[in-house]
Protein backbone atom coordinates (compact mmCIF):
# COMPACT_ATOMS: atom_id res chain seq x y z
CA MET A 1 0.00 0.00 0.00
CA VAL A 2 1.21 3.49 -0.85
CA ARG A 3 0.06 6.45 1.23
CA THR A 4 1.16 9.98 2.07
CA GLU A 5 2.47 10.97 5.49
CA ARG A 6 3.54 14.25 7.10
CA LEU A 7 6.96 14.11 8.71
CA VAL A 8 8.95 16.54 10.82
CA LEU A 9 12.25 17.37 9.14
CA SER A 10 15.40 17.06 11.18
CA ALA A 11 18.31 19.46 10.75
CA ARG A 12 20.04 19.24 7.39
CA ARG A 13 23.31 17.34 7.60
CA PRO A 14 26.55 18.84 6.27
CA GLY A 15 27.24 17.71 2.73
CA TYR A 16 23.53 17.42 1.97
CA ALA A 17 21.22 19.72 0.03
CA ARG A 18 17.61 20.29 1.03
CA VAL A 19 15.47 20.15 -2.08
CA HIS A 20 11.88 21.24 -2.61
CA MET A 21 10.52 18.83 -5.20
CA ILE A 22 8.87 20.47 -8.19
CA ALA A 23 7.90 17.32 -10.09
CA ALA A 24 8.59 13.60 -10.08
CA SER A 25 7.81 10.85 -12.54
CA ILE A 26 6.24 7.43 -12.17
CA ASN A 27 8.33 4.76 -13.87
CA PRO A 28 7.86 0.99 -14.16
CA SER A 29 10.89 0.58 -11.89
CA ASP A 30 9.02 2.52 -9.19
CA VAL A 31 5.91 0.36 -9.51
CA ILE A 32 7.91 -2.88 -9.48
CA THR A 33 9.81 -1.69 -6.40
CA ILE A 34 6.71 -0.82 -4.36
CA ARG A 35 5.29 -4.23 -5.22
CA GLY A 36 8.26 -5.78 -3.39
CA ALA A 37 10.02 -7.30 -6.39
CA TYR A 38 13.50 -6.33 -5.18
CA SER A 39 14.88 -8.00 -2.08
CA ARG A 40 17.17 -5.02 -1.42
CA THR A 41 14.13 -2.80 -0.67
CA THR A 42 13.29 -2.35 3.00
CA PHE A 43 9.78 -1.15 3.81
CA PRO A 44 8.50 1.36 4.66
CA PHE A 45 10.36 3.73 2.38
CA CYS A 46 9.69 6.76 0.16
CA PRO A 47 9.59 5.74 -3.52
CA GLY A 48 10.52 7.71 -6.60
CA PHE A 49 13.78 7.36 -8.52
CA GLU A 50 13.38 10.38 -10.80
CA GLY A 51 12.36 14.01 -10.36
CA VAL A 52 13.45 17.63 -10.33
CA GLY A 53 13.52 20.02 -7.40
CA GLU A 54 14.81 23.40 -6.28
CA VAL A 55 17.58 23.64 -3.71
CA ILE A 56 16.36 25.58 -0.68
CA ASP A 57 19.32 24.99 1.65
CA ALA A 58 22.90 23.78 1.11
CA ASP A 59 26.44 24.20 2.37
CA ARG A 60 27.88 27.56 1.32
CA ASP A 61 30.97 25.92 -0.18
CA GLY A 62 29.16 22.93 -1.72
CA PRO A 63 28.56 22.01 -5.37
CA VAL A 64 24.97 23.36 -5.42
CA ARG A 65 23.36 26.49 -4.05
CA PRO A 66 19.83 27.66 -3.17
CA GLY A 67 17.69 28.53 -6.18
CA GLN A 68 19.23 25.98 -8.51
CA ARG A 69 17.09 23.21 -9.98
CA VAL A 70 18.64 19.78 -9.56
CA ILE A 71 18.09 16.12 -10.33
CA ALA A 72 19.18 13.84 -7.48
CA LEU A 73 20.75 10.46 -8.26
CA ARG A 74 21.42 7.12 -6.60
CA ALA A 75 18.52 7.03 -4.13
CA ALA A 76 14.74 6.84 -4.04
CA GLY A 77 12.65 9.51 -2.37
CA ALA A 78 11.52 11.74 -5.24
CA TRP A 79 7.85 11.23 -4.33
CA SER A 80 8.04 13.80 -1.56
CA SER A 81 7.57 17.53 -1.16
CA ILE A 82 10.97 18.11 0.46
CA ARG A 83 13.95 15.78 0.63
CA ASP A 84 17.57 15.89 1.73
CA VAL A 85 20.06 14.41 -0.72
CA PRO A 86 23.87 14.28 -0.90
CA ALA A 87 24.91 17.46 -2.70
CA ALA A 88 27.49 15.45 -4.66
CA ASP A 89 24.64 13.38 -6.14
CA CYS A 90 22.88 16.44 -7.59
CA VAL A 91 22.94 17.30 -11.28
CA ILE A 92 22.19 20.96 -12.02
CA VAL A 93 19.45 21.46 -14.63
CA PRO A 94 20.15 24.01 -17.38
CA PRO A 95 17.77 27.01 -17.44
CA ASP A 96 16.36 26.16 -20.87
CA ILE A 97 15.15 22.69 -19.82
CA SER A 98 11.54 22.83 -18.60
CA ASP A 99 10.46 21.37 -15.28
CA ARG A 100 8.49 18.66 -17.05
CA HIS A 101 11.39 17.61 -19.22
CA ALA A 102 13.83 17.80 -16.31
CA ALA A 103 11.59 15.47 -14.30
CA THR A 104 12.02 12.82 -17.01
CA ALA A 105 15.63 13.48 -18.04
CA PHE A 106 17.17 10.66 -16.03
CA ILE A 107 15.82 7.10 -16.10
CA ASN A 108 14.83 6.53 -19.73
CA PRO A 109 17.24 8.93 -21.48
CA LEU A 110 20.34 7.67 -19.65
CA THR A 111 19.31 4.04 -20.16
CA ALA A 112 18.88 4.63 -23.90
CA LEU A 113 22.15 6.55 -24.15
CA ALA A 114 24.15 3.96 -22.22
CA GLY A 115 22.52 1.09 -24.08
CA THR A 116 23.15 2.39 -27.57
CA ASP A 117 26.73 3.28 -26.61
CA ARG A 118 27.41 -0.17 -25.20
CA LEU A 119 25.98 -2.17 -28.07
CA ALA A 120 27.92 -0.47 -30.90
CA LEU A 121 25.20 -1.50 -33.33
CA ASP A 122 26.83 -0.44 -36.61
CA GLY A 123 23.61 0.10 -38.55
CA ARG A 124 22.14 -3.33 -37.82
CA LEU A 125 18.41 -3.96 -37.43
CA VAL A 126 17.18 -3.98 -33.82
CA VAL A 127 13.96 -5.50 -32.47
CA ILE A 128 12.42 -3.71 -29.49
CA THR A 129 9.66 -5.10 -27.27
CA ALA A 130 7.09 -2.91 -25.47
CA ALA A 131 7.35 -0.51 -28.41
CA SER A 132 4.64 1.75 -26.98
CA SER A 133 6.69 2.48 -23.85
CA THR A 134 8.66 5.68 -23.27
CA ILE A 135 11.98 3.85 -23.11
CA ALA A 136 11.27 2.10 -26.42
CA ASP A 137 10.49 5.47 -28.00
CA HIS A 138 13.85 6.79 -26.74
CA PHE A 139 15.72 3.76 -28.04
CA ALA A 140 14.00 4.01 -31.41
CA GLY A 141 14.75 7.73 -31.69
CA MET A 142 18.42 7.27 -30.90
CA LEU A 143 18.83 4.20 -33.09
CA ARG A 144 17.18 5.82 -36.09
CA ALA A 145 19.46 8.83 -35.63
CA ARG A 146 22.39 6.39 -35.86
CA GLY A 147 21.06 4.70 -38.98
CA ASN A 148 19.65 1.53 -37.37
CA PRO A 149 16.35 0.11 -38.68
CA VAL A 150 13.98 -0.68 -35.80
CA VAL A 151 11.12 -3.16 -35.59
CA GLY A 152 8.76 -2.85 -32.64
CA VAL A 153 6.63 -5.41 -30.84
CA ILE A 154 3.50 -4.09 -29.11
CA ARG A 155 0.89 -5.83 -27.00
CA SER A 156 -2.15 -4.49 -28.87
CA TRP A 157 -3.07 -2.14 -31.69
CA ASN A 158 -4.78 -0.10 -28.98
CA SER A 159 -1.33 0.66 -27.56
CA ARG A 160 -0.31 4.30 -27.96
CA VAL A 161 2.90 4.38 -29.97
CA ARG A 162 4.33 7.85 -29.43
CA ARG A 163 6.08 8.38 -32.77
CA PRO A 164 4.97 5.75 -35.29
CA SER A 165 7.23 7.27 -37.96
CA LEU A 166 10.31 6.04 -36.06
CA TRP A 167 9.45 2.40 -36.65
CA ASP A 168 10.12 0.47 -39.83
CA VAL A 169 7.56 -2.15 -38.82
CA LEU A 170 5.26 -2.68 -35.83
CA VAL A 171 3.94 -6.14 -34.92
CA SER A 172 1.19 -6.76 -32.36
CA THR A 173 1.17 -9.89 -30.23
CA ASP A 174 -2.65 -9.70 -30.37
CA ASP A 175 -2.52 -10.79 -34.01
CA VAL A 176 -2.81 -14.42 -34.97
CA GLY A 177 0.50 -15.50 -36.44
CA TRP A 178 2.40 -12.50 -35.08
CA GLU A 179 5.59 -14.53 -34.74
CA GLN A 180 5.52 -15.35 -38.44
CA GLN A 181 4.92 -11.66 -39.21
CA LEU A 182 7.91 -10.77 -37.06
CA ALA A 183 10.09 -13.36 -38.73
CA GLY A 184 9.18 -11.91 -42.11
CA SER A 185 10.03 -8.37 -41.00
CA ALA A 186 13.06 -8.97 -38.79
CA GLY A 187 14.39 -12.44 -39.57
CA GLY A 188 18.12 -12.57 -38.98
CA ALA A 189 18.16 -9.75 -36.44
CA ARG A 190 21.00 -10.06 -33.95
CA ILE A 191 19.76 -7.71 -31.20
CA VAL A 192 16.52 -7.72 -29.17
CA LEU A 193 16.00 -4.97 -26.60
CA ASP A 194 13.52 -6.38 -24.10
CA ALA A 195 11.66 -4.46 -21.42
CA VAL A 196 9.01 -7.10 -20.73
CA GLY A 197 10.61 -10.27 -19.38
CA GLY A 198 8.49 -13.39 -18.97
CA ASP A 199 8.08 -15.41 -22.15
CA ILE A 200 8.00 -12.55 -24.69
CA ALA A 201 11.77 -12.23 -25.06
CA GLY A 202 12.08 -15.91 -25.88
CA ARG A 203 9.23 -15.89 -28.37
CA VAL A 204 10.62 -12.83 -30.12
CA ALA A 205 14.14 -14.28 -30.21
CA ARG A 206 12.86 -17.59 -31.54
CA ALA A 207 10.89 -15.82 -34.27
CA VAL A 208 13.79 -13.79 -35.65
CA SER A 209 16.88 -15.85 -34.82
CA THR A 210 18.80 -17.61 -37.55
CA GLY A 211 21.69 -18.47 -35.26
CA TRP A 212 23.36 -16.29 -32.66
CA ILE A 213 21.24 -13.49 -31.14
CA GLN A 214 21.68 -11.17 -28.18
CA VAL A 215 18.74 -10.35 -25.91
CA VAL A 216 19.37 -7.25 -23.81
CA SER A 217 17.06 -7.15 -20.79
CA HIS A 218 16.43 -3.66 -19.44
CA GLY A 219 13.05 -4.02 -17.73
CA LEU A 220 10.44 -6.35 -16.30
CA LEU A 221 7.09 -4.86 -17.32
CA SER A 222 5.53 -8.32 -16.96
CA GLY A 223 6.82 -8.55 -13.39
CA ARG A 224 8.59 -11.81 -14.30
CA MET A 225 12.13 -12.71 -15.22
CA ILE A 226 12.87 -13.90 -18.76
CA ASP A 227 11.66 -17.47 -19.21
CA HIS A 228 14.84 -19.31 -20.18
CA GLN A 229 12.83 -22.38 -21.18
CA ARG A 230 11.54 -20.47 -24.21
CA LEU A 231 14.92 -19.27 -25.40
CA PRO A 232 16.24 -20.83 -28.60
CA GLN A 233 19.76 -22.13 -29.01
CA GLY A 234 22.38 -19.47 -29.57
CA VAL A 235 20.82 -16.79 -27.37
CA GLU A 236 23.08 -14.60 -25.28
CA ILE A 237 21.34 -12.79 -22.42
CA SER A 238 22.76 -9.56 -21.05
CA ASN A 239 21.35 -7.00 -18.63
CA LEU A 240 21.23 -3.23 -18.97
CA HIS A 241 20.63 -1.81 -15.50
CA LEU A 242 20.81 1.95 -15.01
CA ARG A 243 21.48 1.44 -11.31
CA GLU A 244 24.75 -0.32 -12.10
CA ILE A 245 25.72 2.34 -14.65
CA VAL A 246 25.06 5.27 -12.32
CA HIS A 247 26.60 3.68 -9.23
CA GLY A 248 29.61 2.40 -11.13
CA ALA A 249 30.44 5.54 -13.09
CA SER A 250 32.41 8.55 -11.94
CA ARG A 251 30.63 11.85 -11.40
CA ALA A 252 32.29 13.22 -14.53
CA GLU A 253 30.95 10.31 -16.60
CA VAL A 254 27.44 10.78 -15.21
CA LEU A 255 27.54 14.51 -15.94
CA ARG A 256 28.59 13.78 -19.52
CA LEU A 257 25.60 11.45 -19.92
CA PHE A 258 23.29 14.12 -18.55
CA ALA A 259 24.73 16.74 -20.89
CA ARG A 260 23.85 14.42 -23.78
CA SER A 261 20.42 13.80 -22.27
CA PHE A 262 19.73 17.54 -22.15
CA ASP A 263 20.95 17.88 -25.75
CA GLY A 264 18.64 15.05 -26.82
CA ILE A 265 15.71 16.72 -25.07
CA ARG A 266 16.44 20.02 -26.83
CA ALA A 267 16.55 18.20 -30.17
CA GLY A 268 13.33 16.31 -29.45
CA VAL A 269 15.03 12.94 -29.86
CA ILE A 270 14.46 11.74 -26.28
CA ALA A 271 12.01 14.30 -24.87
CA THR A 272 9.08 12.95 -22.82
CA ASP A 273 5.68 14.62 -22.73
CA ALA A 274 3.48 14.03 -19.70
CA ALA A 275 0.19 12.27 -20.40
CA ALA A 276 -1.22 13.04 -16.93
CA VAL A 277 -0.27 15.22 -13.97
CA TYR A 278 -1.35 14.59 -10.37
CA PRO A 279 -0.48 16.36 -7.11
CA PHE A 280 1.86 14.54 -4.75
CA ALA A 281 -1.03 14.14 -2.30
CA ASP A 282 -3.04 12.07 -4.81
CA ILE A 283 -0.49 9.33 -5.31
CA ALA A 284 -3.25 6.71 -5.29
CA GLY A 285 -5.00 8.42 -8.21
CA ALA A 286 -1.72 8.77 -10.08
CA LEU A 287 -0.87 5.09 -9.68
CA ALA A 288 -4.38 4.06 -10.73
CA TRP A 289 -4.11 6.17 -13.90
CA ASP A 290 -0.66 4.72 -14.62
CA ALA A 291 -1.96 1.16 -14.29
CA ALA A 292 -4.86 1.76 -16.68
CA ASN A 293 -3.27 3.95 -19.34
CA SER A 294 -0.24 4.36 -21.58
CA GLY A 295 1.88 7.46 -21.06
CA LYS A 296 4.08 9.16 -18.52
CA VAL A 297 2.54 10.34 -15.25
CA LEU A 298 4.06 13.26 -13.35
CA LEU A 299 3.56 14.10 -9.69
CA GLN A 300 3.58 17.85 -9.11
CA GLY A 301 4.63 19.92 -6.14
CA GLY A 302 2.19 21.79 -3.93
CA ASP A 303 2.84 25.16 -5.55
CA GLY A 304 1.35 24.19 -8.91
CA HIS A 305 4.53 23.17 -10.72
CA PRO A 306 5.37 21.84 -13.23
């Protein structure tokens, strides 16, 4: 169960910045976490891995100062009105990036940037599951910009695909014979980017594989791990976890990724538009909308932002 609570703030610790949250996003990783899928999560805790806020108090000689908008990394807690975060984990938001875009500049953009960098795809065709999701839209935008054809797999033709023009072909698993359709459109593909888990990755890989194929798992929208029983011979499974990237990279490397994220937002390649906005206090309504609809949900601060 998720609920709101009023807490009394203790004194801000040295090295920390006190941040008034302007807006936070709801991501699949948030929903999976609050459902208890990760053993590392100790309840109760404040969810929210992504959001933007304004610094209202900080050390005078620290890396951030009051009045700056920042994105805090490496810890949950964005679903709150005020939070204290390590100042060293704050990324300063450029003035020309809107609050709404800043609130979604982290999870999906950095995953797409790191993923396309790591794979070195060299113009090869890529198959992407959950093609109506925000992260799939980001991957498709970046891959098309690099010259990669992209074929998307969606759950239903009722799914809202954000930019249909990015996709060479879309295949719906609602259709009879969808695996044969996929084989005809993407047979011989060597890369599948999977955000679903369960049995979909295996069925997609089996449909397109003509030998060796790499399945890159970067999400569990089904709530289940990839079913290895459905994987064909010659499949290599790898994981793309933003947590490992952010925690394992230096601050300079993270800042370079964010600079590219902001550039991609300016160019419209990886910008995210909110489909619904709810106040922090109505988290139940926001989660209900998220469960029933396609699109990004933002939680807004009490002063009317974003």
